[in-house]
C-alpha atoms as a PDB file:
ATOM      1  CA  MET A   1     -46.683 -47.433  55.215  1.00  0.00           C
ATOM      2  CA  GLU A   2     -44.872 -44.559  57.560  1.00  0.00           C
ATOM      3  CA  PHE A   3     -41.780 -46.801  56.667  1.00  0.00           C
ATOM      4  CA  LEU A   4     -41.897 -46.904  52.839  1.00  0.00           C
ATOM      5  CA  THR A   5     -42.283 -43.414  52.458  1.00  0.00           C
ATOM      6  CA  GLY A   6     -39.923 -42.293  54.873  1.00  0.00           C
ATOM      7  CA  LYS A   7     -42.368 -39.346  56.190  1.00  0.00           C
ATOM      8  CA  LEU A   8     -40.425 -39.474  59.739  1.00  0.00           C
ATOM      9  CA  ARG A   9     -37.382 -38.671  57.657  1.00  0.00           C
ATOM     10  CA  LEU A  10     -39.083 -35.881  56.436  1.00  0.00           C
ATOM     11  CA  LEU A  11     -40.369 -33.907  59.347  1.00  0.00           C
ATOM     12  CA  ARG A  12     -37.457 -34.583  60.978  1.00  0.00           C
ATOM     13  CA  MET A  13     -35.671 -32.742  58.387  1.00  0.00           C
ATOM     14  CA  ILE A  14     -38.054 -30.232  58.425  1.00  0.00           C
ATOM     15  CA  ARG A  15     -38.032 -29.001  61.693  1.00  0.00           C
ATOM     16  CA  ARG A  16     -34.303 -28.963  60.799  1.00  0.00           C
ATOM     17  CA  PHE A  17     -34.893 -26.911  58.333  1.00  0.00           C
ATOM     18  CA  GLU A  18     -36.990 -24.458  60.526  1.00  0.00           C
ATOM     19  CA  ALA A  19     -34.629 -24.567  63.416  1.00  0.00           C
ATOM     20  CA  MET A  20     -32.435 -23.086  61.017  1.00  0.00           C
ATOM     21  CA  GLY A  21     -34.546 -19.684  60.483  1.00  0.00           C
ATOM     22  CA  VAL A  22     -36.483 -20.587  57.339  1.00  0.00           C
ATOM     23  CA  PRO A  23     -34.922 -17.835  54.567  1.00  0.00           C
ATOM     24  CA  PHE A  24     -37.883 -16.000  51.909  1.00  0.00           C
ATOM     25  CA  GLY A  25     -36.953 -15.417  48.741  1.00  0.00           C
ATOM     26  CA  GLN A  26     -34.098 -16.565  46.417  1.00  0.00           C
ATOM     27  CA  PRO A  27     -32.115 -17.849  49.387  1.00  0.00           C
ATOM     28  CA  PHE A  28     -34.705 -20.779  50.545  1.00  0.00           C
ATOM     29  CA  TRP A  29     -33.974 -23.144  48.076  1.00  0.00           C
ATOM     30  CA  LYS A  30     -30.180 -22.852  48.305  1.00  0.00           C
ATOM     31  CA  GLN A  31     -31.028 -23.609  52.168  1.00  0.00           C
ATOM     32  CA  ALA A  32     -33.030 -26.368  51.739  1.00  0.00           C
ATOM     33  CA  LEU A  33     -31.046 -28.430  49.500  1.00  0.00           C
ATOM     34  CA  GLU A  34     -28.117 -28.266  51.721  1.00  0.00           C
ATOM     35  CA  VAL A  35     -29.710 -29.484  54.435  1.00  0.00           C
ATOM     36  CA  MET A  36     -31.292 -32.097  51.916  1.00  0.00           C
ATOM     37  CA  GLY A  37     -27.838 -32.827  51.342  1.00  0.00           C
ATOM     38  CA  ILE A  38     -28.335 -31.921  46.977  1.00  0.00           C
ATOM     39  CA  ASP A  39     -25.332 -30.442  45.696  1.00  0.00           C
ATOM     40  CA  LEU A  40     -26.238 -28.936  42.131  1.00  0.00           C
ATOM     41  CA  GLN A  41     -22.939 -30.075  39.695  1.00  0.00           C
ATOM     42  CA  THR A  42     -24.254 -28.375  36.453  1.00  0.00           C
ATOM     43  CA  PRO A  43     -21.130 -26.732  35.359  1.00  0.00           C
ATOM     44  CA  GLN A  44     -21.302 -22.874  35.355  1.00  0.00           C
ATOM     45  CA  GLU A  45     -20.802 -22.847  31.488  1.00  0.00           C
ATOM     46  CA  GLN A  46     -23.973 -24.350  31.432  1.00  0.00           C
ATOM     47  CA  ILE A  47     -25.556 -22.175  33.578  1.00  0.00           C
ATOM     48  CA  ASP A  48     -24.294 -18.988  31.682  1.00  0.00           C
ATOM     49  CA  ARG A  49     -26.531 -20.570  29.162  1.00  0.00           C
ATOM     50  CA  ILE A  50     -29.860 -19.318  30.541  1.00  0.00           C
ATOM     51  CA  PRO A  51     -30.891 -15.892  29.345  1.00  0.00           C
ATOM     52  CA  ALA A  52     -30.517 -13.225  32.261  1.00  0.00           C
ATOM     53  CA  THR A  53     -33.353 -11.190  31.103  1.00  0.00           C
ATOM     54  CA  GLY A  54     -35.942 -10.938  28.464  1.00  0.00           C
ATOM     55  CA  PRO A  55     -39.453 -13.404  28.465  1.00  0.00           C
ATOM     56  CA  LEU A  56     -38.254 -17.004  28.701  1.00  0.00           C
ATOM     57  CA  ILE A  57     -39.929 -20.734  28.406  1.00  0.00           C
ATOM     58  CA  VAL A  58     -37.454 -22.943  29.910  1.00  0.00           C
ATOM     59  CA  VAL A  59     -39.112 -26.744  29.450  1.00  0.00           C
ATOM     60  CA  ALA A  60     -37.901 -29.373  30.966  1.00  0.00           C
ATOM     61  CA  ASN A  61     -38.099 -33.389  31.735  1.00  0.00           C
ATOM     62  CA  HIS A  62     -39.679 -34.833  34.927  1.00  0.00           C
ATOM     63  CA  PRO A  63     -37.942 -38.208  36.366  1.00  0.00           C
ATOM     64  CA  HIS A  64     -38.522 -37.115  39.983  1.00  0.00           C
ATOM     65  CA  GLY A  65     -41.183 -34.811  41.405  1.00  0.00           C
ATOM     66  CA  LEU A  66     -40.891 -32.504  43.679  1.00  0.00           C
ATOM     67  CA  VAL A  67     -36.819 -32.100  43.907  1.00  0.00           C
ATOM     68  CA  ASP A  68     -37.303 -31.679  39.954  1.00  0.00           C
ATOM     69  CA  GLY A  69     -38.737 -28.534  40.759  1.00  0.00           C
ATOM     70  CA  MET A  70     -36.218 -27.581  43.425  1.00  0.00           C
ATOM     71  CA  VAL A  71     -33.528 -28.002  41.832  1.00  0.00           C
ATOM     72  CA  LEU A  72     -34.873 -25.999  39.168  1.00  0.00           C
ATOM     73  CA  ALA A  73     -35.752 -23.211  41.068  1.00  0.00           C
ATOM     74  CA  GLU A  74     -32.356 -22.759  42.804  1.00  0.00           C
ATOM     75  CA  LEU A  75     -30.674 -23.480  39.271  1.00  0.00           C
ATOM     76  CA  MET A  76     -32.815 -20.596  37.266  1.00  0.00           C
ATOM     77  CA  GLY A  77     -32.106 -18.373  40.806  1.00  0.00           C
ATOM     78  CA  ARG A  78     -28.068 -17.993  39.567  1.00  0.00           C
ATOM     79  CA  ARG A  79     -29.096 -16.473  36.415  1.00  0.00           C
ATOM     80  CA  ARG A  80     -32.291 -14.676  37.218  1.00  0.00           C
ATOM     81  CA  THR A  81     -35.027 -14.234  39.620  1.00  0.00           C
ATOM     82  CA  ASP A  82     -37.818 -13.334  37.643  1.00  0.00           C
ATOM     83  CA  TYR A  83     -39.191 -16.896  37.776  1.00  0.00           C
ATOM     84  CA  LYS A  84     -42.326 -18.962  37.769  1.00  0.00           C
ATOM     85  CA  ILE A  85     -42.756 -22.436  38.023  1.00  0.00           C
ATOM     86  CA  LEU A  86     -46.191 -24.089  37.082  1.00  0.00           C
ATOM     87  CA  THR A  87     -46.288 -26.771  39.320  1.00  0.00           C
ATOM     88  CA  ARG A  88     -49.199 -28.645  40.464  1.00  0.00           C
ATOM     89  CA  SER A  89     -46.402 -29.847  43.689  1.00  0.00           C
ATOM     90  CA  LEU A  90     -46.756 -29.359  47.830  1.00  0.00           C
ATOM     91  CA  LEU A  91     -45.067 -25.904  47.411  1.00  0.00           C
ATOM     92  CA  THR A  92     -47.765 -24.432  46.303  1.00  0.00           C
ATOM     93  CA  GLY A  93     -49.119 -21.562  48.981  1.00  0.00           C
ATOM     94  CA  VAL A  94     -45.376 -21.391  51.072  1.00  0.00           C
ATOM     95  CA  GLY A  95     -45.462 -17.727  51.879  1.00  0.00           C
ATOM     96  CA  GLU A  96     -41.496 -17.881  51.551  1.00  0.00           C
ATOM     97  CA  ILE A  97     -41.538 -18.749  47.743  1.00  0.00           C
ATOM     98  CA  ASP A  98     -45.132 -17.615  46.680  1.00  0.00           C
ATOM     99  CA  GLU A  99     -43.557 -15.329  44.279  1.00  0.00           C
ATOM    100  CA  PHE A 100     -41.955 -18.062  42.461  1.00  0.00           C
ATOM    101  CA  MET A 101     -44.733 -20.148  42.110  1.00  0.00           C
ATOM    102  CA  ILE A 102     -48.454 -20.403  39.456  1.00  0.00           C
ATOM    103  CA  PRO A 103     -50.120 -23.128  40.431  1.00  0.00           C
ATOM    104  CA  VAL A 104     -51.643 -25.547  38.212  1.00  0.00           C
ATOM    105  CA  PRO A 105     -54.850 -27.227  39.162  1.00  0.00           C
ATOM    106  CA  PHE A 106     -55.842 -30.782  38.915  1.00  0.00           C
ATOM    107  CA  ALA A 107     -58.197 -32.082  36.572  1.00  0.00           C
ATOM    108  CA  HIS A 108     -60.636 -33.115  39.083  1.00  0.00           C
ATOM    109  CA  GLU A 109     -60.476 -30.279  41.062  1.00  0.00           C
ATOM    110  CA  GLU A 110     -64.561 -28.659  40.807  1.00  0.00           C
ATOM    111  CA  ASP A 111     -63.059 -25.306  39.281  1.00  0.00           C
ATOM    112  CA  ALA A 112     -59.989 -26.911  37.193  1.00  0.00           C
ATOM    113  CA  LEU A 113     -61.344 -24.932  34.003  1.00  0.00           C
ATOM    114  CA  GLN A 114     -61.627 -21.506  35.831  1.00  0.00           C
ATOM    115  CA  GLN A 115     -58.348 -22.001  37.722  1.00  0.00           C
ATOM    116  CA  ASN A 116     -56.932 -23.324  34.263  1.00  0.00           C
ATOM    117  CA  LEU A 117     -57.313 -19.726  32.497  1.00  0.00           C
ATOM    118  CA  ILE A 118     -56.048 -17.845  35.082  1.00  0.00           C
ATOM    119  CA  MET A 119     -52.789 -19.897  35.384  1.00  0.00           C
ATOM    120  CA  ARG A 120     -52.305 -18.897  31.394  1.00  0.00           C
ATOM    121  CA  LYS A 121     -53.738 -15.702  31.885  1.00  0.00           C
ATOM    122  CA  ARG A 122     -50.571 -15.286  35.059  1.00  0.00           C
ATOM    123  CA  ALA A 123     -48.163 -17.189  32.456  1.00  0.00           C
ATOM    124  CA  MET A 124     -48.666 -14.723  29.578  1.00  0.00           C
ATOM    125  CA  ASP A 125     -48.972 -11.791  31.444  1.00  0.00           C
ATOM    126  CA  HIS A 126     -45.104 -12.584  33.351  1.00  0.00           C
ATOM    127  CA  LEU A 127     -44.339 -13.063  29.700  1.00  0.00           C
ATOM    128  CA  SER A 128     -45.617 -10.201  28.702  1.00  0.00           C
ATOM    129  CA  ASP A 129     -43.484  -8.027  31.576  1.00  0.00           C
ATOM    130  CA  GLY A 130     -40.162  -9.790  30.344  1.00  0.00           C
ATOM    131  CA  GLY A 131     -40.046 -12.782  32.619  1.00  0.00           C
ATOM    132  CA  ALA A 132     -39.643 -16.296  33.049  1.00  0.00           C
ATOM    133  CA  ILE A 133     -41.599 -19.409  33.033  1.00  0.00           C
ATOM    134  CA  VAL A 134     -40.256 -22.660  34.274  1.00  0.00           C
ATOM    135  CA  LEU A 135     -42.536 -25.998  33.168  1.00  0.00           C
ATOM    136  CA  PHE A 136     -42.491 -29.324  33.158  1.00  0.00           C
ATOM    137  CA  PRO A 137     -44.697 -29.928  30.001  1.00  0.00           C
ATOM    138  CA  SER A 138     -45.702 -33.664  30.417  1.00  0.00           C
ATOM    139  CA  GLY A 139     -47.515 -32.615  33.978  1.00  0.00           C
ATOM    140  CA  VAL A 140     -46.667 -35.670  35.109  1.00  0.00           C
ATOM    141  CA  VAL A 141     -43.574 -37.514  36.599  1.00  0.00           C
ATOM    142  CA  ALA A 142     -41.914 -40.337  33.819  1.00  0.00           C
ATOM    143  CA  SER A 143     -43.418 -43.659  34.793  1.00  0.00           C
ATOM    144  CA  SER A 144     -42.701 -47.082  33.158  1.00  0.00           C
ATOM    145  CA  ASP A 145     -45.360 -48.810  31.217  1.00  0.00           C
ATOM    146  CA  THR A 146     -44.917 -52.435  32.591  1.00  0.00           C
ATOM    147  CA  MET A 147     -43.997 -53.536  36.445  1.00  0.00           C
ATOM    148  CA  PHE A 148     -40.375 -53.775  34.412  1.00  0.00           C
ATOM    149  CA  GLY A 149     -40.057 -51.575  32.096  1.00  0.00           C
ATOM    150  CA  PRO A 150     -38.159 -48.063  31.482  1.00  0.00           C
ATOM    151  CA  ALA A 151     -39.607 -44.992  33.046  1.00  0.00           C
ATOM    152  CA  ILE A 152     -40.669 -42.777  29.631  1.00  0.00           C
ATOM    153  CA  GLU A 153     -41.082 -39.247  29.816  1.00  0.00           C
ATOM    154  CA  ARG A 154     -44.169 -39.064  28.731  1.00  0.00           C
ATOM    155  CA  GLU A 155     -46.192 -36.922  26.119  1.00  0.00           C
ATOM    156  CA  TRP A 156     -46.025 -32.535  26.549  1.00  0.00           C
ATOM    157  CA  ASN A 157     -48.601 -30.603  26.420  1.00  0.00           C
ATOM    158  CA  PRO A 158     -49.865 -28.533  23.575  1.00  0.00           C
ATOM    159  CA  PHE A 159     -51.085 -25.792  25.873  1.00  0.00           C
ATOM    160  CA  THR A 160     -46.845 -25.085  26.107  1.00  0.00           C
ATOM    161  CA  ALA A 161     -46.742 -24.700  22.149  1.00  0.00           C
ATOM    162  CA  LYS A 162     -49.541 -21.755  22.407  1.00  0.00           C
ATOM    163  CA  MET A 163     -47.291 -19.775  25.272  1.00  0.00           C
ATOM    164  CA  ILE A 164     -44.355 -20.222  23.650  1.00  0.00           C
ATOM    165  CA  GLN A 165     -45.731 -19.310  19.996  1.00  0.00           C
ATOM    166  CA  ARG A 166     -47.979 -16.368  21.108  1.00  0.00           C
ATOM    167  CA  SER A 167     -45.630 -14.857  23.512  1.00  0.00           C
ATOM    168  CA  LYS A 168     -42.104 -15.039  21.653  1.00  0.00           C
ATOM    169  CA  ALA A 169     -40.013 -15.653  24.127  1.00  0.00           C
ATOM    170  CA  ASP A 170     -36.741 -17.784  23.873  1.00  0.00           C
ATOM    171  CA  VAL A 171     -36.831 -21.383  24.953  1.00  0.00           C
ATOM    172  CA  LEU A 172     -34.509 -22.778  26.824  1.00  0.00           C
ATOM    173  CA  PRO A 173     -34.509 -26.796  27.591  1.00  0.00           C
ATOM    174  CA  ILE A 174     -32.879 -28.784  30.510  1.00  0.00           C
ATOM    175  CA  PHE A 175     -32.526 -32.458  31.015  1.00  0.00           C
ATOM    176  CA  PHE A 176     -32.839 -34.302  34.001  1.00  0.00           C
ATOM    177  CA  PRO A 177     -30.988 -37.753  34.318  1.00  0.00           C
ATOM    178  CA  GLY A 178     -32.240 -40.651  35.938  1.00  0.00           C
ATOM    179  CA  SER A 179     -35.659 -42.184  37.195  1.00  0.00           C
ATOM    180  CA  ASN A 180     -37.648 -42.812  40.014  1.00  0.00           C
ATOM    181  CA  SER A 181     -36.978 -46.409  42.103  1.00  0.00           C
ATOM    182  CA  ARG A 182     -38.523 -49.276  40.429  1.00  0.00           C
ATOM    183  CA  TRP A 183     -40.778 -49.243  43.729  1.00  0.00           C
ATOM    184  CA  TYR A 184     -42.245 -46.488  42.156  1.00  0.00           C
ATOM    185  CA  GLN A 185     -42.252 -48.076  38.858  1.00  0.00           C
ATOM    186  CA  MET A 186     -44.100 -51.149  39.931  1.00  0.00           C
ATOM    187  CA  ALA A 187     -46.393 -49.225  42.158  1.00  0.00           C
ATOM    188  CA  ASN A 188     -47.997 -46.669  39.312  1.00  0.00           C
ATOM    189  CA  ARG A 189     -48.703 -49.796  38.035  1.00  0.00           C
ATOM    190  CA  THR A 190     -50.888 -51.121  40.536  1.00  0.00           C
ATOM    191  CA  SER A 191     -52.431 -48.061  42.505  1.00  0.00           C
ATOM    192  CA  ALA A 192     -52.773 -44.384  42.254  1.00  0.00           C
ATOM    193  CA  THR A 193     -52.911 -44.207  46.173  1.00  0.00           C
ATOM    194  CA  LEU A 194     -49.204 -45.488  46.434  1.00  0.00           C
ATOM    195  CA  ARG A 195     -47.977 -43.745  43.815  1.00  0.00           C
ATOM    196  CA  GLN A 196     -48.506 -40.581  45.233  1.00  0.00           C
ATOM    197  CA  GLY A 197     -47.407 -41.775  48.842  1.00  0.00           C
ATOM    198  CA  LEU A 198     -44.121 -43.309  46.825  1.00  0.00           C
ATOM    199  CA  LEU A 199     -43.266 -39.845  45.984  1.00  0.00           C
ATOM    200  CA  LEU A 200     -42.635 -39.097  49.231  1.00  0.00           C
ATOM    201  CA  HIS A 201     -40.152 -42.090  49.368  1.00  0.00           C
ATOM    202  CA  GLU A 202     -38.193 -40.472  46.199  1.00  0.00           C
ATOM    203  CA  VAL A 203     -37.442 -37.038  47.905  1.00  0.00           C
ATOM    204  CA  VAL A 204     -36.141 -39.442  50.361  1.00  0.00           C
ATOM    205  CA  HIS A 205     -34.497 -41.369  47.906  1.00  0.00           C
ATOM    206  CA  ALA A 206     -33.058 -37.945  46.775  1.00  0.00           C
ATOM    207  CA  LEU A 207     -31.471 -37.302  49.814  1.00  0.00           C
ATOM    208  CA  ASN A 208     -27.535 -36.723  49.932  1.00  0.00           C
ATOM    209  CA  LYS A 209     -26.872 -37.343  45.773  1.00  0.00           C
ATOM    210  CA  PRO A 210     -26.194 -35.050  43.441  1.00  0.00           C
ATOM    211  CA  GLN A 211     -27.697 -33.938  41.142  1.00  0.00           C
ATOM    212  CA  ALA A 212     -26.703 -32.199  37.304  1.00  0.00           C
ATOM    213  CA  PRO A 213     -29.467 -31.285  35.168  1.00  0.00           C
ATOM    214  CA  VAL A 214     -28.220 -29.974  31.666  1.00  0.00           C
ATOM    215  CA  VAL A 215     -28.886 -26.868  30.544  1.00  0.00           C
ATOM    216  CA  GLY A 216     -29.088 -26.963  26.401  1.00  0.00           C
ATOM    217  CA  ASN A 217     -29.244 -24.193  24.306  1.00  0.00           C
ATOM    218  CA  VAL A 218     -32.013 -21.510  23.441  1.00  0.00           C
ATOM    219  CA  PHE A 219     -33.760 -22.278  20.593  1.00  0.00           C
ATOM    220  CA  ASP A 220     -33.417 -20.994  17.146  1.00  0.00           C
ATOM    221  CA  ARG A 221     -36.578 -18.462  16.378  1.00  0.00           C
ATOM    222  CA  ASP A 222     -36.941 -19.844  12.815  1.00  0.00           C
ATOM    223  CA  GLU A 223     -36.812 -23.208  13.636  1.00  0.00           C
ATOM    224  CA  ILE A 224     -39.799 -22.426  16.111  1.00  0.00           C
ATOM    225  CA  ALA A 225     -41.880 -20.675  14.257  1.00  0.00           C
ATOM    226  CA  LYS A 226     -41.939 -23.336  11.505  1.00  0.00           C
ATOM    227  CA  TRP A 227     -44.024 -25.908  13.960  1.00  0.00           C
ATOM    228  CA  SER A 228     -46.495 -22.678  14.277  1.00  0.00           C
ATOM    229  CA  SER A 229     -49.237 -24.568  12.653  1.00  0.00           C
ATOM    230  CA  ASN A 230     -48.691 -27.922  14.209  1.00  0.00           C
ATOM    231  CA  PRO A 231     -48.493 -27.428  17.870  1.00  0.00           C
ATOM    232  CA  ARG A 232     -48.423 -30.920  18.794  1.00  0.00           C
ATOM    233  CA  GLY A 233     -45.489 -31.953  16.003  1.00  0.00           C
ATOM    234  CA  PHE A 234     -43.613 -29.394  17.519  1.00  0.00           C
ATOM    235  CA  MET A 235     -44.395 -30.305  21.109  1.00  0.00           C
ATOM    236  CA  GLY A 236     -43.557 -33.827  20.277  1.00  0.00           C
ATOM    237  CA  TRP A 237     -39.964 -32.382  18.394  1.00  0.00           C
ATOM    238  CA  LEU A 238     -39.044 -30.128  21.918  1.00  0.00           C
ATOM    239  CA  ARG A 239     -39.315 -33.115  23.604  1.00  0.00           C
ATOM    240  CA  GLU A 240     -37.116 -35.067  21.855  1.00  0.00           C
ATOM    241  CA  GLN A 241     -34.359 -32.103  21.629  1.00  0.00           C
ATOM    242  CA  THR A 242     -34.886 -31.756  25.430  1.00  0.00           C
ATOM    243  CA  LEU A 243     -33.974 -36.035  26.224  1.00  0.00           C
ATOM    244  CA  ALA A 244     -31.563 -35.603  23.528  1.00  0.00           C
ATOM    245  CA  LEU A 245     -29.215 -33.627  25.884  1.00  0.00           C
ATOM    246  CA  GLY A 246     -28.892 -36.297  28.245  1.00  0.00           C
ATOM    247  CA  THR A 247     -26.603 -38.251  25.239  1.00  0.00           C
ATOM    248  CA  THR A 248     -24.143 -35.022  24.996  1.00  0.00           C
ATOM    249  CA  ALA A 249     -23.886 -34.647  28.430  1.00  0.00           C
END
């Protein structure tokens, strides 16, 4: 399993990162991606579409896992640093970047309901203060329905719709091209434990490869208002609009 997941390679990379001196705050992401050999290639004219100020909700598809969040953090930081990412990732609890994280509890956790309420309040309070919230509304990494089928972005959680409508924040879509390996898709159909283990393998798989997420345009407020009574339909529409960025890149 160690060989399959590339855990030893990741440990060596982490030691190298620590030996350089772990930076605090936004510089953490740049150094981490440099150590991983991941070059962010999104054009500056797209990055400039990210509103630099004011309440903002960024929604993105989730094809890879941990790397998606790291790349989004670096991308956001090139325009503003008052963002917080809703995430279940291993990065929660890391002091150097804790200011950018709002942990999302797993459903099986004993106090999941209470933690969810805390998470939602923190997100809404941050938007009320004019900050940015970044999230993957599916809550899970894209996966195939069959051993050899294409990876599918899962349905988006209606909670995101409620947050958008209540906050009146701008909404910006970002699309990540690509998907995890066939090994991951097969593991997803056989074992949850193996699937989780192979998420580490997917981090290794992403090393020394460029990432070029596509930044869309802020959605028209009037268009968003049309969906106020249909949160599930709104999420379906928002998901489609985000995935469509992959055909216009």
